[in-house]
Amino acid sequence: MPASPLRVAIVGATGYSGVELVRRLARHPGAIVTGAYGSSASEAPRRLPGLARIWDGEVQPFDAGRVAHENDAAMLALPERAAAEIAPALLAAGLRVIDLSGAFRLRDEGARARWYPATGALPEGTVYGLAERDSAAIAGARLVSCPGCYPTAALLALGPLADAGLLAGDVIVDAKSGISGAGKAPSDRTHFSENHGSVAAYGVFTHRHTAEIEQELRHAVTFVPHLVPLDRGILETIYVRVPGGTTAADVASAFESAYAEAPFVRLTGTALPEIKHVAYTNFCDIGWVLDEAGGRLVVIACLDNLVKGAAGQAIQNFNVAFGLDERAGLL
């Protein structure tokens, strides 16, 4: 740990991911929360009653000058348009920025214009930050763009298979997420009476996370997300064709070699994981079953969308970026 705690501001601290950031960074041994801010300068100060005696400060209206001059790093838990506007100014002031939005995830200019039109050119030093696969780049990054919650599970499950040459055909990602993944702003889709007792697919062939998964995987995927009546959690059932002759040992070896030193990936083999096993943690659990005769592989990946899929992953990236213990503030 550094001799003195790193000073961190949290911008967008009243949303689900923002509150989770405050909760965990307030107890981080190598960081101090110098301020928590709303997403605009016009918001009234407010407290976070659920964090009483964990963090007793007030969420203040956003003040770019204070954030820029009182901190070593800023965590942005903002909508994409706001992040696209705020992040470049903080970078210019010398801060390192950890961004939870999608504003800076896509490297292709055309894809970015389609899915995140408020973002212009990527700031110099921007890195896509999946710590298990991008740690070397994160360590020198000025702006770490944290992956989306759905892509985090998909890429952790599929990346080792792609690296090992075990993706031989179509890849289908059937993903289910709790309602908090849709953010705090209410909508017809996330209203209790609409979601309770139901499961609904959405965004078929039109979800922006498809572009993100394909960018990092370098393989086409069919991605179908669903909303399920849970507060938090993601479970993805992923269907893969593997090359002829692929054995269970080949699959196990691909995962085990990829994650032998990854503190937040737990491999469960044929004991398939469940959302309740990962809720409120920064773990992604991955299990799988191979049909050797048919060349079919089913992979199950589970994580908490607010922790490993958002705030926890951001803190993990913060730790890597500043040379701290990757597990700090997360166990």
C-alpha atoms as a PDB file:
ATOM      1  CA  MET A   1       0.000   0.000   0.000  1.00  0.00           C
ATOM      2  CA  PRO A   2       1.163   3.607  -0.577  1.00  0.00           C
ATOM      3  CA  ALA A   3       2.564   5.565   2.378  1.00  0.00           C
ATOM      4  CA  SER A   4      -0.563   7.721   2.414  1.00  0.00           C
ATOM      5  CA  PRO A   5      -4.024   6.813   1.111  1.00  0.00           C
ATOM      6  CA  LEU A   6      -4.853   7.734  -2.457  1.00  0.00           C
ATOM      7  CA  ARG A   7      -7.458  10.484  -2.683  1.00  0.00           C
ATOM      8  CA  VAL A   8     -10.530   9.404  -4.651  1.00  0.00           C
ATOM      9  CA  ALA A   9     -13.673  11.262  -5.705  1.00  0.00           C
ATOM     10  CA  ILE A  10     -16.832   9.426  -6.670  1.00  0.00           C
ATOM     11  CA  VAL A  11     -19.022  11.196  -9.207  1.00  0.00           C
ATOM     12  CA  GLY A  12     -22.548   9.868  -9.610  1.00  0.00           C
ATOM     13  CA  ALA A  13     -22.647   8.596  -6.043  1.00  0.00           C
ATOM     14  CA  THR A  14     -26.429   8.312  -5.704  1.00  0.00           C
ATOM     15  CA  GLY A  15     -27.022   5.591  -8.310  1.00  0.00           C
ATOM     16  CA  TYR A  16     -26.842   1.887  -7.509  1.00  0.00           C
ATOM     17  CA  SER A  17     -23.239   1.519  -8.662  1.00  0.00           C
ATOM     18  CA  GLY A  18     -22.234   4.834  -7.083  1.00  0.00           C
ATOM     19  CA  VAL A  19     -23.540   3.830  -3.669  1.00  0.00           C
ATOM     20  CA  GLU A  20     -21.702   0.517  -3.975  1.00  0.00           C
ATOM     21  CA  LEU A  21     -18.507   2.425  -4.768  1.00  0.00           C
ATOM     22  CA  VAL A  22     -18.866   4.609  -1.691  1.00  0.00           C
ATOM     23  CA  ARG A  23     -19.622   1.607   0.503  1.00  0.00           C
ATOM     24  CA  ARG A  24     -16.502  -0.282  -0.546  1.00  0.00           C
ATOM     25  CA  LEU A  25     -14.034   2.574  -0.995  1.00  0.00           C
ATOM     26  CA  ALA A  26     -14.901   3.933   2.462  1.00  0.00           C
ATOM     27  CA  ARG A  27     -13.314   0.773   3.892  1.00  0.00           C
ATOM     28  CA  HIS A  28     -10.468   0.490   1.378  1.00  0.00           C
ATOM     29  CA  PRO A  29      -7.104   0.344   3.184  1.00  0.00           C
ATOM     30  CA  GLY A  30      -5.289   2.310   0.473  1.00  0.00           C
ATOM     31  CA  ALA A  31      -7.849   4.968  -0.432  1.00  0.00           C
ATOM     32  CA  ILE A  32      -9.758   7.807   1.139  1.00  0.00           C
ATOM     33  CA  VAL A  33     -13.050   9.112  -0.252  1.00  0.00           C
ATOM     34  CA  THR A  34     -12.405  12.843  -0.372  1.00  0.00           C
ATOM     35  CA  GLY A  35     -15.832  13.568  -1.787  1.00  0.00           C
ATOM     36  CA  ALA A  36     -18.921  11.998  -3.261  1.00  0.00           C
ATOM     37  CA  TYR A  37     -20.790  13.999  -5.866  1.00  0.00           C
ATOM     38  CA  GLY A  38     -24.014  13.919  -7.787  1.00  0.00           C
ATOM     39  CA  SER A  39     -24.097  13.991 -11.543  1.00  0.00           C
ATOM     40  CA  SER A  40     -24.816  17.711 -11.879  1.00  0.00           C
ATOM     41  CA  ALA A  41     -24.010  21.014 -10.187  1.00  0.00           C
ATOM     42  CA  SER A  42     -27.702  21.650  -9.477  1.00  0.00           C
ATOM     43  CA  GLU A  43     -28.367  18.660  -7.232  1.00  0.00           C
ATOM     44  CA  ALA A  44     -29.083  19.382  -3.577  1.00  0.00           C
ATOM     45  CA  PRO A  45     -26.739  17.832  -0.993  1.00  0.00           C
ATOM     46  CA  ARG A  46     -28.022  14.568   0.427  1.00  0.00           C
ATOM     47  CA  ARG A  47     -26.975  11.813   2.777  1.00  0.00           C
ATOM     48  CA  LEU A  48     -26.926   8.075   2.128  1.00  0.00           C
ATOM     49  CA  PRO A  49     -28.804   6.588   5.103  1.00  0.00           C
ATOM     50  CA  GLY A  50     -27.909   3.024   4.167  1.00  0.00           C
ATOM     51  CA  LEU A  51     -24.223   3.868   4.635  1.00  0.00           C
ATOM     52  CA  ALA A  52     -24.535   5.437   8.109  1.00  0.00           C
ATOM     53  CA  ARG A  53     -21.424   4.650  10.203  1.00  0.00           C
ATOM     54  CA  ILE A  54     -19.724   3.332   7.068  1.00  0.00           C
ATOM     55  CA  TRP A  55     -19.523   6.738   5.380  1.00  0.00           C
ATOM     56  CA  ASP A  56     -21.230   9.668   7.059  1.00  0.00           C
ATOM     57  CA  GLY A  57     -20.524  12.382   4.522  1.00  0.00           C
ATOM     58  CA  GLU A  58     -22.949  14.160   2.217  1.00  0.00           C
ATOM     59  CA  VAL A  59     -23.239  13.696  -1.514  1.00  0.00           C
ATOM     60  CA  GLN A  60     -22.480  17.157  -2.885  1.00  0.00           C
ATOM     61  CA  PRO A  61     -23.439  18.838  -6.168  1.00  0.00           C
ATOM     62  CA  PHE A  62     -20.818  18.131  -8.812  1.00  0.00           C
ATOM     63  CA  ASP A  63     -17.929  20.573  -8.626  1.00  0.00           C
ATOM     64  CA  ALA A  64     -15.381  19.992 -11.389  1.00  0.00           C
ATOM     65  CA  GLY A  65     -12.774  22.242  -9.770  1.00  0.00           C
ATOM     66  CA  ARG A  66     -12.852  20.453  -6.423  1.00  0.00           C
ATOM     67  CA  VAL A  67     -12.751  17.026  -8.018  1.00  0.00           C
ATOM     68  CA  ALA A  68      -9.844  18.009 -10.262  1.00  0.00           C
ATOM     69  CA  HIS A  69      -7.685  19.634  -7.614  1.00  0.00           C
ATOM     70  CA  GLU A  70      -8.313  17.566  -4.484  1.00  0.00           C
ATOM     71  CA  ASN A  71      -7.819  14.030  -5.814  1.00  0.00           C
ATOM     72  CA  ASP A  72      -5.481  11.502  -7.351  1.00  0.00           C
ATOM     73  CA  ALA A  73      -8.298   9.643  -9.113  1.00  0.00           C
ATOM     74  CA  ALA A  74     -11.962   9.960  -9.942  1.00  0.00           C
ATOM     75  CA  MET A  75     -14.519   7.181 -10.248  1.00  0.00           C
ATOM     76  CA  LEU A  76     -17.342   8.048 -12.649  1.00  0.00           C
ATOM     77  CA  ALA A  77     -20.643   6.239 -12.142  1.00  0.00           C
ATOM     78  CA  LEU A  78     -22.514   8.423 -14.588  1.00  0.00           C
ATOM     79  CA  PRO A  79     -24.689   8.099 -17.676  1.00  0.00           C
ATOM     80  CA  GLU A  80     -22.633   7.896 -20.868  1.00  0.00           C
ATOM     81  CA  ARG A  81     -23.326  11.447 -22.024  1.00  0.00           C
ATOM     82  CA  ALA A  82     -22.223  12.953 -18.715  1.00  0.00           C
ATOM     83  CA  ALA A  83     -19.118  10.766 -18.530  1.00  0.00           C
ATOM     84  CA  ALA A  84     -18.148  11.715 -22.084  1.00  0.00           C
ATOM     85  CA  GLU A  85     -18.253  15.384 -21.089  1.00  0.00           C
ATOM     86  CA  ILE A  86     -16.631  15.181 -17.639  1.00  0.00           C
ATOM     87  CA  ALA A  87     -13.834  12.636 -18.120  1.00  0.00           C
ATOM     88  CA  PRO A  88     -11.674  14.625 -20.604  1.00  0.00           C
ATOM     89  CA  ALA A  89     -11.608  17.668 -18.299  1.00  0.00           C
ATOM     90  CA  LEU A  90     -10.516  15.578 -15.320  1.00  0.00           C
ATOM     91  CA  LEU A  91      -7.822  13.911 -17.404  1.00  0.00           C
ATOM     92  CA  ALA A  92      -6.564  17.306 -18.534  1.00  0.00           C
ATOM     93  CA  ALA A  93      -6.251  18.279 -14.859  1.00  0.00           C
ATOM     94  CA  GLY A  94      -3.941  15.319 -14.281  1.00  0.00           C
ATOM     95  CA  LEU A  95      -6.333  12.873 -12.610  1.00  0.00           C
ATOM     96  CA  ARG A  96      -6.555   9.217 -13.473  1.00  0.00           C
ATOM     97  CA  VAL A  97     -10.143   8.274 -14.247  1.00  0.00           C
ATOM     98  CA  ILE A  98     -11.987   4.983 -13.741  1.00  0.00           C
ATOM     99  CA  ASP A  99     -15.200   5.143 -15.783  1.00  0.00           C
ATOM    100  CA  LEU A 100     -18.100   2.747 -15.246  1.00  0.00           C
ATOM    101  CA  SER A 101     -20.171   3.955 -18.202  1.00  0.00           C
ATOM    102  CA  GLY A 102     -19.999   2.732 -21.762  1.00  0.00           C
ATOM    103  CA  ALA A 103     -18.752   6.048 -23.136  1.00  0.00           C
ATOM    104  CA  PHE A 104     -15.182   4.922 -23.830  1.00  0.00           C
ATOM    105  CA  ARG A 105     -15.481   1.137 -24.294  1.00  0.00           C
ATOM    106  CA  LEU A 106     -15.629   0.901 -28.085  1.00  0.00           C
ATOM    107  CA  ARG A 107     -12.454   1.546 -30.061  1.00  0.00           C
ATOM    108  CA  ASP A 108     -14.070   1.558 -33.517  1.00  0.00           C
ATOM    109  CA  GLU A 109     -15.188   5.073 -34.382  1.00  0.00           C
ATOM    110  CA  GLY A 110     -18.242   3.919 -36.338  1.00  0.00           C
ATOM    111  CA  ALA A 111     -19.446   1.598 -33.581  1.00  0.00           C
ATOM    112  CA  ARG A 112     -18.899   4.334 -31.016  1.00  0.00           C
ATOM    113  CA  ALA A 113     -20.887   6.820 -33.099  1.00  0.00           C
ATOM    114  CA  ARG A 114     -23.765   4.346 -33.255  1.00  0.00           C
ATOM    115  CA  TRP A 115     -23.907   3.243 -29.625  1.00  0.00           C
ATOM    116  CA  TYR A 116     -22.328   6.149 -27.730  1.00  0.00           C
ATOM    117  CA  PRO A 117     -22.790   9.207 -29.960  1.00  0.00           C
ATOM    118  CA  ALA A 118     -21.856  11.703 -27.222  1.00  0.00           C
ATOM    119  CA  THR A 119     -18.280  10.386 -27.236  1.00  0.00           C
ATOM    120  CA  GLY A 120     -15.880  11.806 -29.779  1.00  0.00           C
ATOM    121  CA  ALA A 121     -12.325  10.554 -30.096  1.00  0.00           C
ATOM    122  CA  LEU A 122     -11.050   8.401 -27.267  1.00  0.00           C
ATOM    123  CA  PRO A 123      -8.741  10.324 -24.920  1.00  0.00           C
ATOM    124  CA  GLU A 124      -5.094   9.343 -25.126  1.00  0.00           C
ATOM    125  CA  GLY A 125      -4.270   6.605 -22.637  1.00  0.00           C
ATOM    126  CA  THR A 126      -7.718   4.988 -22.654  1.00  0.00           C
ATOM    127  CA  VAL A 127      -7.723   1.272 -21.874  1.00  0.00           C
ATOM    128  CA  TYR A 128     -10.552  -1.236 -21.808  1.00  0.00           C
ATOM    129  CA  GLY A 129     -10.255  -2.607 -18.290  1.00  0.00           C
ATOM    130  CA  LEU A 130     -11.054  -6.257 -17.694  1.00  0.00           C
ATOM    131  CA  ALA A 131      -8.411  -6.868 -15.040  1.00  0.00           C
ATOM    132  CA  GLU A 132      -8.123 -10.612 -15.621  1.00  0.00           C
ATOM    133  CA  ARG A 133      -7.145 -10.018 -19.250  1.00  0.00           C
ATOM    134  CA  ASP A 134      -5.848  -6.435 -19.470  1.00  0.00           C
ATOM    135  CA  SER A 135      -3.842  -5.899 -16.273  1.00  0.00           C
ATOM    136  CA  ALA A 136      -0.598  -4.840 -17.990  1.00  0.00           C
ATOM    137  CA  ALA A 137      -2.370  -2.106 -19.948  1.00  0.00           C
ATOM    138  CA  ILE A 138      -4.437  -0.992 -16.954  1.00  0.00           C
ATOM    139  CA  ALA A 139      -1.291  -0.425 -14.910  1.00  0.00           C
ATOM    140  CA  GLY A 140      -0.260   2.464 -17.173  1.00  0.00           C
ATOM    141  CA  ALA A 141      -3.667   3.781 -18.152  1.00  0.00           C
ATOM    142  CA  ARG A 142      -4.896   7.320 -17.616  1.00  0.00           C
ATOM    143  CA  LEU A 143      -8.511   6.378 -18.331  1.00  0.00           C
ATOM    144  CA  VAL A 144      -9.756   2.891 -17.538  1.00  0.00           C
ATOM    145  CA  SER A 145     -13.066   2.095 -19.218  1.00  0.00           C
ATOM    146  CA  CYS A 146     -14.698  -0.638 -17.172  1.00  0.00           C
ATOM    147  CA  PRO A 147     -16.536  -3.354 -19.123  1.00  0.00           C
ATOM    148  CA  GLY A 148     -20.296  -3.638 -19.014  1.00  0.00           C
ATOM    149  CA  CYS A 149     -21.845  -6.139 -16.635  1.00  0.00           C
ATOM    150  CA  TYR A 150     -23.029  -8.528 -19.353  1.00  0.00           C
ATOM    151  CA  PRO A 151     -19.719  -8.409 -21.279  1.00  0.00           C
ATOM    152  CA  THR A 152     -17.738  -9.044 -18.087  1.00  0.00           C
ATOM    153  CA  ALA A 153     -19.393 -12.429 -17.597  1.00  0.00           C
ATOM    154  CA  ALA A 154     -19.319 -13.285 -21.302  1.00  0.00           C
ATOM    155  CA  LEU A 155     -15.661 -12.366 -21.826  1.00  0.00           C
ATOM    156  CA  LEU A 156     -14.433 -14.112 -18.689  1.00  0.00           C
ATOM    157  CA  ALA A 157     -16.261 -17.236 -19.861  1.00  0.00           C
ATOM    158  CA  LEU A 158     -15.312 -17.086 -23.532  1.00  0.00           C
ATOM    159  CA  GLY A 159     -11.876 -15.428 -23.561  1.00  0.00           C
ATOM    160  CA  PRO A 160      -9.895 -18.515 -22.476  1.00  0.00           C
ATOM    161  CA  LEU A 161     -11.729 -20.655 -25.031  1.00  0.00           C
ATOM    162  CA  ALA A 162     -10.920 -18.209 -27.822  1.00  0.00           C
ATOM    163  CA  ASP A 163      -7.278 -18.051 -26.738  1.00  0.00           C
ATOM    164  CA  ALA A 164      -7.068 -21.849 -26.817  1.00  0.00           C
ATOM    165  CA  GLY A 165      -8.678 -22.122 -30.271  1.00  0.00           C
ATOM    166  CA  LEU A 166     -11.781 -23.833 -28.904  1.00  0.00           C
ATOM    167  CA  LEU A 167     -14.434 -21.675 -30.580  1.00  0.00           C
ATOM    168  CA  ALA A 168     -15.332 -23.544 -33.741  1.00  0.00           C
ATOM    169  CA  GLY A 169     -18.677 -22.050 -34.722  1.00  0.00           C
ATOM    170  CA  ASP A 170     -21.635 -20.069 -33.468  1.00  0.00           C
ATOM    171  CA  VAL A 171     -21.510 -18.611 -29.971  1.00  0.00           C
ATOM    172  CA  ILE A 172     -24.838 -17.939 -28.270  1.00  0.00           C
ATOM    173  CA  VAL A 173     -24.977 -15.926 -25.036  1.00  0.00           C
ATOM    174  CA  ASP A 174     -28.309 -16.282 -23.221  1.00  0.00           C
ATOM    175  CA  ALA A 175     -28.009 -13.714 -20.420  1.00  0.00           C
ATOM    176  CA  LYS A 176     -30.300 -12.926 -17.487  1.00  0.00           C
ATOM    177  CA  SER A 177     -29.907  -9.903 -15.233  1.00  0.00           C
ATOM    178  CA  GLY A 178     -31.516  -8.514 -12.109  1.00  0.00           C
ATOM    179  CA  ILE A 179     -33.358  -5.210 -12.401  1.00  0.00           C
ATOM    180  CA  SER A 180     -30.614  -3.058 -10.849  1.00  0.00           C
ATOM    181  CA  GLY A 181     -28.661  -3.606 -14.058  1.00  0.00           C
ATOM    182  CA  ALA A 182     -31.082  -1.236 -15.778  1.00  0.00           C
ATOM    183  CA  GLY A 183     -30.031   1.616 -13.494  1.00  0.00           C
ATOM    184  CA  LYS A 184     -31.950   3.689 -10.976  1.00  0.00           C
ATOM    185  CA  ALA A 185     -34.113   5.730 -13.353  1.00  0.00           C
ATOM    186  CA  PRO A 186     -37.615   4.168 -13.359  1.00  0.00           C
ATOM    187  CA  SER A 187     -39.233   2.924 -16.555  1.00  0.00           C
ATOM    188  CA  ASP A 188     -42.215   0.849 -17.617  1.00  0.00           C
ATOM    189  CA  ARG A 189     -39.952  -2.156 -18.103  1.00  0.00           C
ATOM    190  CA  THR A 190     -38.449  -1.965 -14.622  1.00  0.00           C
ATOM    191  CA  HIS A 191     -41.632  -1.105 -12.718  1.00  0.00           C
ATOM    192  CA  PHE A 192     -42.289  -3.683  -9.976  1.00  0.00           C
ATOM    193  CA  SER A 193     -45.721  -4.658 -11.280  1.00  0.00           C
ATOM    194  CA  GLU A 194     -44.322  -5.172 -14.786  1.00  0.00           C
ATOM    195  CA  ASN A 195     -41.304  -7.245 -13.792  1.00  0.00           C
ATOM    196  CA  HIS A 196     -42.400  -9.221 -10.744  1.00  0.00           C
ATOM    197  CA  GLY A 197     -43.361 -12.784 -11.655  1.00  0.00           C
ATOM    198  CA  SER A 198     -42.095 -12.431 -15.216  1.00  0.00           C
ATOM    199  CA  VAL A 199     -39.012 -12.949 -17.391  1.00  0.00           C
ATOM    200  CA  ALA A 200     -38.615 -10.882 -20.542  1.00  0.00           C
ATOM    201  CA  ALA A 201     -36.121 -10.858 -23.401  1.00  0.00           C
ATOM    202  CA  TYR A 202     -35.139  -7.508 -24.865  1.00  0.00           C
ATOM    203  CA  GLY A 203     -32.640  -5.897 -27.220  1.00  0.00           C
ATOM    204  CA  VAL A 204     -32.428  -8.904 -29.545  1.00  0.00           C
ATOM    205  CA  PHE A 205     -29.810  -8.025 -32.216  1.00  0.00           C
ATOM    206  CA  THR A 206     -29.929  -4.402 -30.985  1.00  0.00           C
ATOM    207  CA  HIS A 207     -28.133  -4.432 -27.633  1.00  0.00           C
ATOM    208  CA  ARG A 208     -24.998  -2.299 -27.499  1.00  0.00           C
ATOM    209  CA  HIS A 209     -23.137  -4.859 -25.396  1.00  0.00           C
ATOM    210  CA  THR A 210     -22.956  -7.127 -28.432  1.00  0.00           C
ATOM    211  CA  ALA A 211     -20.459  -4.754 -30.044  1.00  0.00           C
ATOM    212  CA  GLU A 212     -18.376  -4.725 -26.879  1.00  0.00           C
ATOM    213  CA  ILE A 213     -18.276  -8.518 -26.563  1.00  0.00           C
ATOM    214  CA  GLU A 214     -17.377  -8.971 -30.235  1.00  0.00           C
ATOM    215  CA  GLN A 215     -14.688  -6.288 -30.054  1.00  0.00           C
ATOM    216  CA  GLU A 216     -12.849  -8.047 -27.234  1.00  0.00           C
ATOM    217  CA  LEU A 217     -13.566 -11.629 -28.302  1.00  0.00           C
ATOM    218  CA  ARG A 218     -12.918 -11.072 -32.016  1.00  0.00           C
ATOM    219  CA  HIS A 219     -15.656 -13.556 -32.740  1.00  0.00           C
ATOM    220  CA  ALA A 220     -19.304 -13.065 -33.712  1.00  0.00           C
ATOM    221  CA  VAL A 221     -21.857 -13.755 -30.980  1.00  0.00           C
ATOM    222  CA  THR A 222     -25.611 -13.947 -30.720  1.00  0.00           C
ATOM    223  CA  PHE A 223     -26.377 -12.101 -27.496  1.00  0.00           C
ATOM    224  CA  VAL A 224     -29.876 -12.155 -25.990  1.00  0.00           C
ATOM    225  CA  PRO A 225     -30.377 -10.406 -22.628  1.00  0.00           C
ATOM    226  CA  HIS A 226     -33.332 -10.941 -20.304  1.00  0.00           C
ATOM    227  CA  LEU A 227     -34.666  -9.138 -17.258  1.00  0.00           C
ATOM    228  CA  VAL A 228     -35.547 -11.364 -14.315  1.00  0.00           C
ATOM    229  CA  PRO A 229     -37.246 -10.345 -11.047  1.00  0.00           C
ATOM    230  CA  LEU A 230     -34.124 -10.165  -8.878  1.00  0.00           C
ATOM    231  CA  ASP A 231     -32.498  -7.143  -7.249  1.00  0.00           C
ATOM    232  CA  ARG A 232     -29.025  -8.050  -8.491  1.00  0.00           C
ATOM    233  CA  GLY A 233     -27.069 -10.750 -10.244  1.00  0.00           C
ATOM    234  CA  ILE A 234     -26.316 -12.000 -13.747  1.00  0.00           C
ATOM    235  CA  LEU A 235     -26.374 -15.564 -15.028  1.00  0.00           C
ATOM    236  CA  GLU A 236     -25.257 -16.298 -18.574  1.00  0.00           C
ATOM    237  CA  THR A 237     -25.780 -19.634 -20.277  1.00  0.00           C
ATOM    238  CA  ILE A 238     -23.358 -19.734 -23.193  1.00  0.00           C
ATOM    239  CA  TYR A 239     -23.592 -22.287 -26.014  1.00  0.00           C
ATOM    240  CA  VAL A 240     -20.419 -23.019 -27.970  1.00  0.00           C
ATOM    241  CA  ARG A 241     -19.326 -25.384 -30.744  1.00  0.00           C
ATOM    242  CA  VAL A 242     -15.824 -26.765 -30.187  1.00  0.00           C
ATOM    243  CA  PRO A 243     -13.429 -28.458 -32.638  1.00  0.00           C
ATOM    244  CA  GLY A 244     -13.741 -32.186 -33.146  1.00  0.00           C
ATOM    245  CA  GLY A 245     -11.710 -34.177 -30.665  1.00  0.00           C
ATOM    246  CA  THR A 246     -11.910 -31.558 -27.925  1.00  0.00           C
ATOM    247  CA  THR A 247     -11.871 -33.244 -24.523  1.00  0.00           C
ATOM    248  CA  ALA A 248     -13.059 -32.223 -21.084  1.00  0.00           C
ATOM    249  CA  ALA A 249      -9.394 -31.959 -20.102  1.00  0.00           C
ATOM    250  CA  ASP A 250      -8.797 -29.464 -22.939  1.00  0.00           C
ATOM    251  CA  VAL A 251     -11.603 -27.228 -21.695  1.00  0.00           C
ATOM    252  CA  ALA A 252     -10.508 -27.461 -18.072  1.00  0.00           C
ATOM    253  CA  SER A 253      -6.927 -26.685 -19.053  1.00  0.00           C
ATOM    254  CA  ALA A 254      -7.984 -23.561 -20.965  1.00  0.00           C
ATOM    255  CA  PHE A 255      -9.801 -22.141 -17.952  1.00  0.00           C
ATOM    256  CA  GLU A 256      -7.283 -23.241 -15.345  1.00  0.00           C
ATOM    257  CA  SER A 257      -4.291 -21.802 -17.173  1.00  0.00           C
ATOM    258  CA  ALA A 258      -6.123 -18.514 -17.774  1.00  0.00           C
ATOM    259  CA  TYR A 259      -7.217 -18.018 -14.179  1.00  0.00           C
ATOM    260  CA  ALA A 260      -4.567 -19.750 -12.079  1.00  0.00           C
ATOM    261  CA  GLU A 261      -3.650 -16.428 -10.482  1.00  0.00           C
ATOM    262  CA  ALA A 262      -6.963 -14.570 -10.820  1.00  0.00           C
ATOM    263  CA  PRO A 263      -8.294 -13.799  -7.338  1.00  0.00           C
ATOM    264  CA  PHE A 264     -11.863 -13.126  -8.429  1.00  0.00           C
ATOM    265  CA  VAL A 265     -12.595 -15.949 -10.861  1.00  0.00           C
ATOM    266  CA  ARG A 266     -13.770 -19.209  -9.306  1.00  0.00           C
ATOM    267  CA  LEU A 267     -13.914 -22.265 -11.545  1.00  0.00           C
ATOM    268  CA  THR A 268     -16.601 -24.753 -10.551  1.00  0.00           C
ATOM    269  CA  GLY A 269     -16.286 -27.310 -13.374  1.00  0.00           C
ATOM    270  CA  THR A 270     -19.426 -29.376 -13.776  1.00  0.00           C
ATOM    271  CA  ALA A 271     -20.847 -28.100 -10.461  1.00  0.00           C
ATOM    272  CA  LEU A 272     -22.685 -25.277 -12.195  1.00  0.00           C
ATOM    273  CA  PRO A 273     -22.744 -21.902 -10.407  1.00  0.00           C
ATOM    274  CA  GLU A 274     -25.767 -19.920  -9.278  1.00  0.00           C
ATOM    275  CA  ILE A 275     -26.455 -16.238  -8.703  1.00  0.00           C
ATOM    276  CA  LYS A 276     -26.844 -16.710  -4.948  1.00  0.00           C
ATOM    277  CA  HIS A 277     -23.238 -17.939  -4.793  1.00  0.00           C
ATOM    278  CA  VAL A 278     -21.862 -14.621  -6.076  1.00  0.00           C
ATOM    279  CA  ALA A 279     -24.345 -12.012  -4.802  1.00  0.00           C
ATOM    280  CA  TYR A 280     -22.658  -9.127  -2.938  1.00  0.00           C
ATOM    281  CA  THR A 281     -19.189 -10.370  -3.946  1.00  0.00           C
ATOM    282  CA  ASN A 282     -16.617  -9.489  -6.597  1.00  0.00           C
ATOM    283  CA  PHE A 283     -16.385 -13.083  -7.796  1.00  0.00           C
ATOM    284  CA  CYS A 284     -17.296 -14.415 -11.215  1.00  0.00           C
ATOM    285  CA  ASP A 285     -18.048 -18.133 -11.005  1.00  0.00           C
ATOM    286  CA  ILE A 286     -17.649 -20.210 -14.166  1.00  0.00           C
ATOM    287  CA  GLY A 287     -18.780 -23.796 -14.722  1.00  0.00           C
ATOM    288  CA  TRP A 288     -19.182 -25.899 -17.841  1.00  0.00           C
ATOM    289  CA  VAL A 289     -20.391 -29.173 -19.311  1.00  0.00           C
ATOM    290  CA  LEU A 290     -18.938 -30.650 -22.517  1.00  0.00           C
ATOM    291  CA  ASP A 291     -20.664 -33.059 -24.887  1.00  0.00           C
ATOM    292  CA  GLU A 292     -17.516 -34.600 -26.370  1.00  0.00           C
ATOM    293  CA  ALA A 293     -19.341 -36.723 -28.939  1.00  0.00           C
ATOM    294  CA  GLY A 294     -21.398 -33.834 -30.252  1.00  0.00           C
ATOM    295  CA  GLY A 295     -18.742 -31.124 -29.988  1.00  0.00           C
ATOM    296  CA  ARG A 296     -21.016 -28.963 -27.876  1.00  0.00           C
ATOM    297  CA  LEU A 297     -19.995 -26.983 -24.802  1.00  0.00           C
ATOM    298  CA  VAL A 298     -22.281 -25.143 -22.383  1.00  0.00           C
ATOM    299  CA  VAL A 299     -20.628 -22.601 -20.091  1.00  0.00           C
ATOM    300  CA  ILE A 300     -22.386 -20.944 -17.142  1.00  0.00           C
ATOM    301  CA  ALA A 301     -21.027 -17.659 -15.803  1.00  0.00           C
ATOM    302  CA  CYS A 302     -22.460 -15.836 -12.773  1.00  0.00           C
ATOM    303  CA  LEU A 303     -21.626 -12.513 -11.146  1.00  0.00           C
ATOM    304  CA  ASP A 304     -23.159  -9.672  -9.173  1.00  0.00           C
ATOM    305  CA  ASN A 305     -23.907  -6.935 -11.682  1.00  0.00           C
ATOM    306  CA  LEU A 306     -23.343  -4.156  -9.130  1.00  0.00           C
ATOM    307  CA  VAL A 307     -20.054  -5.537  -7.809  1.00  0.00           C
ATOM    308  CA  LYS A 308     -17.992  -7.572 -10.299  1.00  0.00           C
ATOM    309  CA  GLY A 309     -20.127  -6.076 -13.073  1.00  0.00           C
ATOM    310  CA  ALA A 310     -19.657  -2.474 -11.935  1.00  0.00           C
ATOM    311  CA  ALA A 311     -18.325  -0.999  -8.658  1.00  0.00           C
ATOM    312  CA  GLY A 312     -16.192  -3.952  -7.571  1.00  0.00           C
ATOM    313  CA  GLN A 313     -14.610  -4.219 -10.989  1.00  0.00           C
ATOM    314  CA  ALA A 314     -13.870  -0.486 -10.929  1.00  0.00           C
ATOM    315  CA  ILE A 315     -12.109  -0.837  -7.583  1.00  0.00           C
ATOM    316  CA  GLN A 316     -10.212  -3.869  -8.878  1.00  0.00           C
ATOM    317  CA  ASN A 317      -9.057  -1.754 -11.834  1.00  0.00           C
ATOM    318  CA  PHE A 318      -8.157   1.103  -9.480  1.00  0.00           C
ATOM    319  CA  ASN A 319      -6.003  -1.302  -7.475  1.00  0.00           C
ATOM    320  CA  VAL A 320      -4.212  -2.553 -10.587  1.00  0.00           C
ATOM    321  CA  ALA A 321      -3.771   0.958 -11.988  1.00  0.00           C
ATOM    322  CA  PHE A 322      -2.076   2.204  -8.809  1.00  0.00           C
ATOM    323  CA  GLY A 323      -0.055  -0.915  -8.042  1.00  0.00           C
ATOM    324  CA  LEU A 324      -2.093  -1.941  -4.986  1.00  0.00           C
ATOM    325  CA  ASP A 325      -3.096  -5.414  -3.922  1.00  0.00           C
ATOM    326  CA  GLU A 326      -5.742  -6.367  -6.479  1.00  0.00           C
ATOM    327  CA  ARG A 327      -7.985  -7.642  -3.696  1.00  0.00           C
ATOM    328  CA  ALA A 328      -7.860  -4.478  -1.556  1.00  0.00           C
ATOM    329  CA  GLY A 329     -11.303  -3.300  -0.492  1.00  0.00           C
ATOM    330  CA  LEU A 330     -13.005  -6.263  -2.148  1.00  0.00           C
ATOM    331  CA  LEU A 331     -12.704  -9.194   0.285  1.00  0.00           C
END
